[in-house]
PDB file of all heavy atoms in Angstrom:
ATOM      1  N   ASN A   1      -9.980   3.492  15.625  1.00  0.00           N
ATOM      2  CA  ASN A   1      -8.526   3.469  15.379  1.00  0.00           C
ATOM      3  C   ASN A   1      -7.986   2.065  15.103  1.00  0.00           C
ATOM      4  O   ASN A   1      -6.926   1.906  14.390  1.00  0.00           O
ATOM      5  CB  ASN A   1      -7.738   4.071  16.485  1.00  0.00           C
ATOM      6  CG  ASN A   1      -7.910   5.581  16.496  1.00  0.00           C
ATOM      7  OD1 ASN A   1      -8.043   6.218  15.423  1.00  0.00           O
ATOM      8  ND2 ASN A   1      -7.838   6.183  17.680  1.00  0.00           N
ATOM      9  N   ASP A   2      -8.598   1.013  15.697  1.00  0.00           N
ATOM     10  CA  ASP A   2      -8.194  -0.401  15.362  1.00  0.00           C
ATOM     11  C   ASP A   2      -8.386  -0.776  13.902  1.00  0.00           C
ATOM     12  O   ASP A   2      -7.551  -1.395  13.370  1.00  0.00           O
ATOM     13  CB  ASP A   2      -8.976  -1.302  16.275  1.00  0.00           C
ATOM     14  CG  ASP A   2      -8.620  -1.183  17.736  1.00  0.00           C
ATOM     15  OD1 ASP A   2      -7.416  -0.754  18.048  1.00  0.00           O
ATOM     16  OD2 ASP A   2      -9.460  -1.625  18.587  1.00  0.00           O
ATOM     17  N   ILE A   3      -9.497  -0.331  13.370  1.00  0.00           N
ATOM     18  CA  ILE A   3      -9.675  -0.494  11.965  1.00  0.00           C
ATOM     19  C   ILE A   3      -8.695   0.251  11.032  1.00  0.00           C
ATOM     20  O   ILE A   3      -8.138  -0.295  10.107  1.00  0.00           O
ATOM     21  CB  ILE A   3     -11.157  -0.182  11.553  1.00  0.00           C
ATOM     22  CG1 ILE A   3     -12.076  -1.030  12.350  1.00  0.00           C
ATOM     23  CG2 ILE A   3     -11.404  -0.496  10.002  1.00  0.00           C
ATOM     24  CD1 ILE A   3     -13.576  -0.621  12.237  1.00  0.00           C
ATOM     25  N   LYS A   4      -8.445   1.473  11.394  1.00  0.00           N
ATOM     26  CA  LYS A   4      -7.424   2.273  10.777  1.00  0.00           C
ATOM     27  C   LYS A   4      -6.071   1.563  10.795  1.00  0.00           C
ATOM     28  O   LYS A   4      -5.376   1.429   9.761  1.00  0.00           O
ATOM     29  CB  LYS A   4      -7.256   3.598  11.345  1.00  0.00           C
ATOM     30  CG  LYS A   4      -8.440   4.619  11.074  1.00  0.00           C
ATOM     31  CD  LYS A   4      -8.195   5.901  11.809  1.00  0.00           C
ATOM     32  CE  LYS A   4      -9.437   6.807  11.613  1.00  0.00           C
ATOM     33  NZ  LYS A   4      -9.255   8.088  12.206  1.00  0.00           N
ATOM     34  N   GLN A   5      -5.696   1.010  11.893  1.00  0.00           N
ATOM     35  CA  GLN A   5      -4.425   0.246  12.018  1.00  0.00           C
ATOM     36  C   GLN A   5      -4.484  -1.011  11.153  1.00  0.00           C
ATOM     37  O   GLN A   5      -3.500  -1.281  10.487  1.00  0.00           O
ATOM     38  CB  GLN A   5      -4.274  -0.148  13.427  1.00  0.00           C
ATOM     39  CG  GLN A   5      -2.805  -0.701  13.627  1.00  0.00           C
ATOM     40  CD  GLN A   5      -1.704   0.311  13.378  1.00  0.00           C
ATOM     41  OE1 GLN A   5      -1.720   1.509  13.765  1.00  0.00           O
ATOM     42  NE2 GLN A   5      -0.740  -0.059  12.597  1.00  0.00           N
ATOM     43  N   LYS A   6      -5.576  -1.687  11.025  1.00  0.00           N
ATOM     44  CA  LYS A   6      -5.718  -2.867  10.152  1.00  0.00           C
ATOM     45  C   LYS A   6      -5.394  -2.483   8.724  1.00  0.00           C
ATOM     46  O   LYS A   6      -4.706  -3.124   8.031  1.00  0.00           O
ATOM     47  CB  LYS A   6      -7.118  -3.543  10.176  1.00  0.00           C
ATOM     48  CG  LYS A   6      -7.312  -4.420  11.337  1.00  0.00           C
ATOM     49  CD  LYS A   6      -8.734  -4.996  11.065  1.00  0.00           C
ATOM     50  CE  LYS A   6      -9.311  -5.758  12.220  1.00  0.00           C
ATOM     51  NZ  LYS A   6     -10.579  -6.364  11.941  1.00  0.00           N
ATOM     52  N   VAL A   7      -6.060  -1.373   8.302  1.00  0.00           N
ATOM     53  CA  VAL A   7      -5.894  -0.898   6.863  1.00  0.00           C
ATOM     54  C   VAL A   7      -4.469  -0.470   6.761  1.00  0.00           C
ATOM     55  O   VAL A   7      -3.818  -0.822   5.623  1.00  0.00           O
ATOM     56  CB  VAL A   7      -6.893   0.248   6.627  1.00  0.00           C
ATOM     57  CG1 VAL A   7      -6.592   0.845   5.224  1.00  0.00           C
ATOM     58  CG2 VAL A   7      -8.318  -0.204   6.650  1.00  0.00           C
ATOM     59  N   MET A   8      -3.878   0.264   7.592  1.00  0.00           N
ATOM     60  CA  MET A   8      -2.433   0.600   7.405  1.00  0.00           C
ATOM     61  C   MET A   8      -1.480  -0.566   7.335  1.00  0.00           C
ATOM     62  O   MET A   8      -0.636  -0.519   6.503  1.00  0.00           O
ATOM     63  CB  MET A   8      -2.036   1.545   8.676  1.00  0.00           C
ATOM     64  CG  MET A   8      -2.636   2.907   8.628  1.00  0.00           C
ATOM     65  SD  MET A   8      -2.432   3.905  10.042  1.00  0.00           S
ATOM     66  CE  MET A   8      -0.788   3.558  10.626  1.00  0.00           C
ATOM     67  N   ASN A   9      -1.788  -1.636   8.169  1.00  0.00           N
ATOM     68  CA  ASN A   9      -0.900  -2.769   8.044  1.00  0.00           C
ATOM     69  C   ASN A   9      -1.181  -3.494   6.719  1.00  0.00           C
ATOM     70  O   ASN A   9      -0.095  -4.015   6.165  1.00  0.00           O
ATOM     71  CB  ASN A   9      -1.281  -3.788   9.181  1.00  0.00           C
ATOM     72  CG  ASN A   9      -0.916  -3.274  10.610  1.00  0.00           C
ATOM     73  OD1 ASN A   9       0.001  -2.418  10.675  1.00  0.00           O
ATOM     74  ND2 ASN A   9      -1.513  -3.832  11.673  1.00  0.00           N
ATOM     75  N   ILE A  10      -2.248  -3.523   6.261  1.00  0.00           N
ATOM     76  CA  ILE A  10      -2.525  -4.096   4.949  1.00  0.00           C
ATOM     77  C   ILE A  10      -1.786  -3.323   3.830  1.00  0.00           C
ATOM     78  O   ILE A  10      -1.082  -3.939   2.990  1.00  0.00           O
ATOM     79  CB  ILE A  10      -4.084  -4.245   4.561  1.00  0.00           C
ATOM     80  CG1 ILE A  10      -4.720  -5.238   5.454  1.00  0.00           C
ATOM     81  CG2 ILE A  10      -4.261  -4.643   3.133  1.00  0.00           C
ATOM     82  CD1 ILE A  10      -6.238  -5.194   5.484  1.00  0.00           C
ATOM     83  N   LEU A  11      -1.920  -2.052   3.802  1.00  0.00           N
ATOM     84  CA  LEU A  11      -1.218  -1.240   2.865  1.00  0.00           C
ATOM     85  C   LEU A  11       0.254  -1.423   2.897  1.00  0.00           C
ATOM     86  O   LEU A  11       1.034  -1.600   1.915  1.00  0.00           O
ATOM     87  CB  LEU A  11      -1.679   0.205   2.911  1.00  0.00           C
ATOM     88  CG  LEU A  11      -3.044   0.568   2.495  1.00  0.00           C
ATOM     89  CD1 LEU A  11      -3.354   2.032   2.856  1.00  0.00           C
ATOM     90  CD2 LEU A  11      -3.278   0.220   1.110  1.00  0.00           C
ATOM     91  N   GLU A  12       0.798  -1.475   4.099  1.00  0.00           N
ATOM     92  CA  GLU A  12       2.192  -1.612   4.394  1.00  0.00           C
ATOM     93  C   GLU A  12       2.664  -2.989   3.820  1.00  0.00           C
ATOM     94  O   GLU A  12       3.799  -3.021   3.159  1.00  0.00           O
ATOM     95  CB  GLU A  12       2.551  -1.549   5.794  1.00  0.00           C
ATOM     96  CG  GLU A  12       3.958  -1.227   6.161  1.00  0.00           C
ATOM     97  CD  GLU A  12       4.129  -0.892   7.621  1.00  0.00           C
ATOM     98  OE1 GLU A  12       3.664   0.198   8.012  1.00  0.00           O
ATOM     99  OE2 GLU A  12       4.739  -1.737   8.348  1.00  0.00           O
ATOM    100  N   LYS A  13       1.984  -4.018   4.115  1.00  0.00           N
ATOM    101  CA  LYS A  13       2.432  -5.428   3.615  1.00  0.00           C
ATOM    102  C   LYS A  13       2.438  -5.438   2.072  1.00  0.00           C
ATOM    103  O   LYS A  13       3.307  -6.039   1.570  1.00  0.00           O
ATOM    104  CB  LYS A  13       1.458  -6.460   4.183  1.00  0.00           C
ATOM    105  CG  LYS A  13       1.581  -6.773   5.599  1.00  0.00           C
ATOM    106  CD  LYS A  13       0.676  -7.809   6.084  1.00  0.00           C
ATOM    107  CE  LYS A  13       0.753  -7.981   7.623  1.00  0.00           C
ATOM    108  NZ  LYS A  13      -0.333  -8.872   8.029  1.00  0.00           N
ATOM    109  N   VAL A  14       1.383  -4.909   1.513  1.00  0.00           N
ATOM    110  CA  VAL A  14       1.347  -5.000   0.042  1.00  0.00           C
ATOM    111  C   VAL A  14       2.331  -4.042  -0.697  1.00  0.00           C
ATOM    112  O   VAL A  14       2.885  -4.436  -1.779  1.00  0.00           O
ATOM    113  CB  VAL A  14      -0.093  -4.576  -0.488  1.00  0.00           C
ATOM    114  CG1 VAL A  14      -0.231  -4.504  -1.952  1.00  0.00           C
ATOM    115  CG2 VAL A  14      -1.125  -5.590   0.086  1.00  0.00           C
ATOM    116  N   THR A  15       2.694  -2.976  -0.095  1.00  0.00           N
ATOM    117  CA  THR A  15       3.538  -2.017  -0.820  1.00  0.00           C
ATOM    118  C   THR A  15       5.024  -1.971  -0.324  1.00  0.00           C
ATOM    119  O   THR A  15       5.840  -1.254  -0.845  1.00  0.00           O
ATOM    120  CB  THR A  15       2.917  -0.576  -0.702  1.00  0.00           C
ATOM    121  OG1 THR A  15       2.939  -0.230   0.681  1.00  0.00           O
ATOM    122  CG2 THR A  15       1.628  -0.447  -1.279  1.00  0.00           C
ATOM    123  N   ASN A  16       5.357  -2.835   0.673  1.00  0.00           N
ATOM    124  CA  ASN A  16       6.762  -2.710   1.147  1.00  0.00           C
ATOM    125  C   ASN A  16       7.763  -3.368   0.309  1.00  0.00           C
ATOM    126  O   ASN A  16       8.971  -3.328   0.678  1.00  0.00           O
ATOM    127  CB  ASN A  16       6.796  -3.286   2.576  1.00  0.00           C
ATOM    128  CG  ASN A  16       6.629  -4.790   2.617  1.00  0.00           C
ATOM    129  OD1 ASN A  16       6.327  -5.474   1.607  1.00  0.00           O
ATOM    130  ND2 ASN A  16       6.760  -5.392   3.842  1.00  0.00           N
ATOM    131  N   THR A  17       7.420  -3.947  -0.860  1.00  0.00           N
ATOM    132  CA  THR A  17       8.409  -4.558  -1.722  1.00  0.00           C
ATOM    133  C   THR A  17       8.734  -3.594  -2.859  1.00  0.00           C
ATOM    134  O   THR A  17       7.934  -2.594  -3.119  1.00  0.00           O
ATOM    135  CB  THR A  17       7.890  -5.852  -2.340  1.00  0.00           C
ATOM    136  OG1 THR A  17       6.709  -5.596  -3.011  1.00  0.00           O
ATOM    137  CG2 THR A  17       7.614  -6.864  -1.290  1.00  0.00           C
ATOM    138  N   ARG A  18       9.909  -3.812  -3.477  1.00  0.00           N
ATOM    139  CA  ARG A  18      10.250  -3.008  -4.590  1.00  0.00           C
ATOM    140  C   ARG A  18       9.520  -3.377  -5.844  1.00  0.00           C
ATOM    141  O   ARG A  18       9.429  -4.645  -6.079  1.00  0.00           O
ATOM    142  CB  ARG A  18      11.720  -2.981  -4.795  1.00  0.00           C
ATOM    143  CG  ARG A  18      12.455  -2.333  -3.713  1.00  0.00           C
ATOM    144  CD  ARG A  18      13.967  -2.570  -3.780  1.00  0.00           C
ATOM    145  NE  ARG A  18      14.506  -2.031  -5.001  1.00  0.00           N
ATOM    146  CZ  ARG A  18      15.798  -1.651  -5.178  1.00  0.00           C
ATOM    147  NH1 ARG A  18      16.592  -1.707  -4.198  1.00  0.00           N
ATOM    148  NH2 ARG A  18      16.200  -1.321  -6.362  1.00  0.00           N
ATOM    149  N   HIS A  19       9.008  -2.436  -6.637  1.00  0.00           N
ATOM    150  CA  HIS A  19       8.319  -2.811  -7.841  1.00  0.00           C
ATOM    151  C   HIS A  19       9.177  -2.171  -9.024  1.00  0.00           C
ATOM    152  O   HIS A  19       8.827  -1.255  -9.604  1.00  0.00           O
ATOM    153  CB  HIS A  19       6.894  -2.309  -7.879  1.00  0.00           C
ATOM    154  CG  HIS A  19       6.044  -2.891  -6.889  1.00  0.00           C
ATOM    155  ND1 HIS A  19       5.852  -2.314  -5.586  1.00  0.00           N
ATOM    156  CD2 HIS A  19       5.360  -4.023  -6.816  1.00  0.00           C
ATOM    157  CE1 HIS A  19       4.990  -3.041  -4.924  1.00  0.00           C
ATOM    158  NE2 HIS A  19       4.737  -4.094  -5.640  1.00  0.00           N
ATOM    159  N   ASP A  20      10.281  -2.888  -9.293  1.00  0.00           N
ATOM    160  CA  ASP A  20      11.239  -2.293 -10.235  1.00  0.00           C
ATOM    161  C   ASP A  20      10.630  -2.218 -11.671  1.00  0.00           C
ATOM    162  O   ASP A  20      11.180  -1.538 -12.500  1.00  0.00           O
ATOM    163  CB  ASP A  20      12.500  -3.221 -10.320  1.00  0.00           C
ATOM    164  CG  ASP A  20      13.400  -3.018  -9.104  1.00  0.00           C
ATOM    165  OD1 ASP A  20      13.277  -1.991  -8.432  1.00  0.00           O
ATOM    166  OD2 ASP A  20      14.106  -3.985  -8.655  1.00  0.00           O
ATOM    167  N   ASN A  21       9.639  -3.014 -11.964  1.00  0.00           N
ATOM    168  CA  ASN A  21       9.004  -2.975 -13.285  1.00  0.00           C
ATOM    169  C   ASN A  21       7.931  -2.068 -13.467  1.00  0.00           C
ATOM    170  O   ASN A  21       7.225  -2.127 -14.466  1.00  0.00           O
ATOM    171  CB  ASN A  21       8.599  -4.441 -13.710  1.00  0.00           C
ATOM    172  CG  ASN A  21       7.700  -5.033 -12.574  1.00  0.00           C
ATOM    173  OD1 ASN A  21       7.511  -4.469 -11.584  1.00  0.00           O
ATOM    174  ND2 ASN A  21       7.025  -6.150 -12.962  1.00  0.00           N
ATOM    175  N   MET A  22       7.744  -1.203 -12.452  1.00  0.00           N
ATOM    176  CA  MET A  22       6.594  -0.187 -12.529  1.00  0.00           C
ATOM    177  C   MET A  22       7.151   1.243 -12.404  1.00  0.00           C
ATOM    178  O   MET A  22       8.065   1.463 -11.613  1.00  0.00           O
ATOM    179  CB  MET A  22       5.604  -0.415 -11.397  1.00  0.00           C
ATOM    180  CG  MET A  22       4.765  -1.638 -11.569  1.00  0.00           C
ATOM    181  SD  MET A  22       3.355  -1.648 -10.400  1.00  0.00           S
ATOM    182  CE  MET A  22       3.938  -2.645  -9.112  1.00  0.00           C
ATOM    183  N   ALA A  23       6.516   2.082 -13.218  1.00  0.00           N
ATOM    184  CA  ALA A  23       6.824   3.539 -13.127  1.00  0.00           C
ATOM    185  C   ALA A  23       5.661   4.294 -13.381  1.00  0.00           C
ATOM    186  O   ALA A  23       4.838   3.941 -14.285  1.00  0.00           O
ATOM    187  CB  ALA A  23       7.965   3.886 -14.178  1.00  0.00           C
ATOM    188  N   GLY A  24       5.377   5.311 -12.573  1.00  0.00           N
ATOM    189  CA  GLY A  24       4.154   6.053 -12.802  1.00  0.00           C
ATOM    190  C   GLY A  24       3.449   6.403 -11.470  1.00  0.00           C
ATOM    191  O   GLY A  24       3.955   6.157 -10.432  1.00  0.00           O
ATOM    192  N   THR A  25       2.253   6.838 -11.588  1.00  0.00           N
ATOM    193  CA  THR A  25       1.349   7.077 -10.451  1.00  0.00           C
ATOM    194  C   THR A  25      -0.012   6.373 -10.596  1.00  0.00           C
ATOM    195  O   THR A  25      -0.421   6.078 -11.726  1.00  0.00           O
ATOM    196  CB  THR A  25       1.197   8.566 -10.217  1.00  0.00           C
ATOM    197  OG1 THR A  25       0.462   9.117 -11.437  1.00  0.00           O
ATOM    198  CG2 THR A  25       2.465   9.336 -10.056  1.00  0.00           C
ATOM    199  N   MET A  26      -0.579   6.153  -9.442  1.00  0.00           N
ATOM    200  CA  MET A  26      -1.943   5.577  -9.476  1.00  0.00           C
ATOM    201  C   MET A  26      -2.795   6.069  -8.290  1.00  0.00           C
ATOM    202  O   MET A  26      -2.117   6.279  -7.220  1.00  0.00           O
ATOM    203  CB  MET A  26      -1.855   4.139  -9.468  1.00  0.00           C
ATOM    204  CG  MET A  26      -3.211   3.315  -9.429  1.00  0.00           C
ATOM    205  SD  MET A  26      -2.981   1.537  -9.507  1.00  0.00           S
ATOM    206  CE  MET A  26      -2.150   1.136  -8.027  1.00  0.00           C
ATOM    207  N   LYS A  27      -3.982   6.321  -8.520  1.00  0.00           N
ATOM    208  CA  LYS A  27      -4.875   6.767  -7.386  1.00  0.00           C
ATOM    209  C   LYS A  27      -6.088   5.802  -7.484  1.00  0.00           C
ATOM    210  O   LYS A  27      -6.642   5.598  -8.561  1.00  0.00           O
ATOM    211  CB  LYS A  27      -5.285   8.199  -7.535  1.00  0.00           C
ATOM    212  CG  LYS A  27      -6.197   8.639  -6.354  1.00  0.00           C
ATOM    213  CD  LYS A  27      -6.571  10.054  -6.393  1.00  0.00           C
ATOM    214  CE  LYS A  27      -7.210  10.337  -5.119  1.00  0.00           C
ATOM    215  NZ  LYS A  27      -8.352  11.248  -5.180  1.00  0.00           N
ATOM    216  N   ILE A  28      -6.495   5.262  -6.327  1.00  0.00           N
ATOM    217  CA  ILE A  28      -7.735   4.519  -6.252  1.00  0.00           C
ATOM    218  C   ILE A  28      -8.581   5.021  -5.199  1.00  0.00           C
ATOM    219  O   ILE A  28      -8.136   5.543  -4.167  1.00  0.00           O
ATOM    220  CB  ILE A  28      -7.443   2.963  -6.088  1.00  0.00           C
ATOM    221  CG1 ILE A  28      -6.587   2.762  -4.756  1.00  0.00           C
ATOM    222  CG2 ILE A  28      -6.714   2.331  -7.228  1.00  0.00           C
ATOM    223  CD1 ILE A  28      -6.457   1.312  -4.347  1.00  0.00           C
ATOM    224  N   ASP A  29      -9.939   4.947  -5.478  1.00  0.00           N
ATOM    225  CA  ASP A  29     -10.929   5.244  -4.461  1.00  0.00           C
ATOM    226  C   ASP A  29     -11.791   4.027  -4.274  1.00  0.00           C
ATOM    227  O   ASP A  29     -12.388   3.534  -5.232  1.00  0.00           O
ATOM    228  CB  ASP A  29     -11.789   6.443  -4.930  1.00  0.00           C
ATOM    229  CG  ASP A  29     -10.958   7.787  -5.003  1.00  0.00           C
ATOM    230  OD1 ASP A  29     -10.246   7.994  -4.024  1.00  0.00           O
ATOM    231  OD2 ASP A  29     -11.173   8.492  -5.968  1.00  0.00           O
TER     232      ASP A  29
END
């Protein structure tokens, strides 16, 4: 669970800003 929390924090930091110049969807594996 500690690693899961690390990953969640990373995703939150990267995505918490508005991306007004982007529209659409993306999926990554």
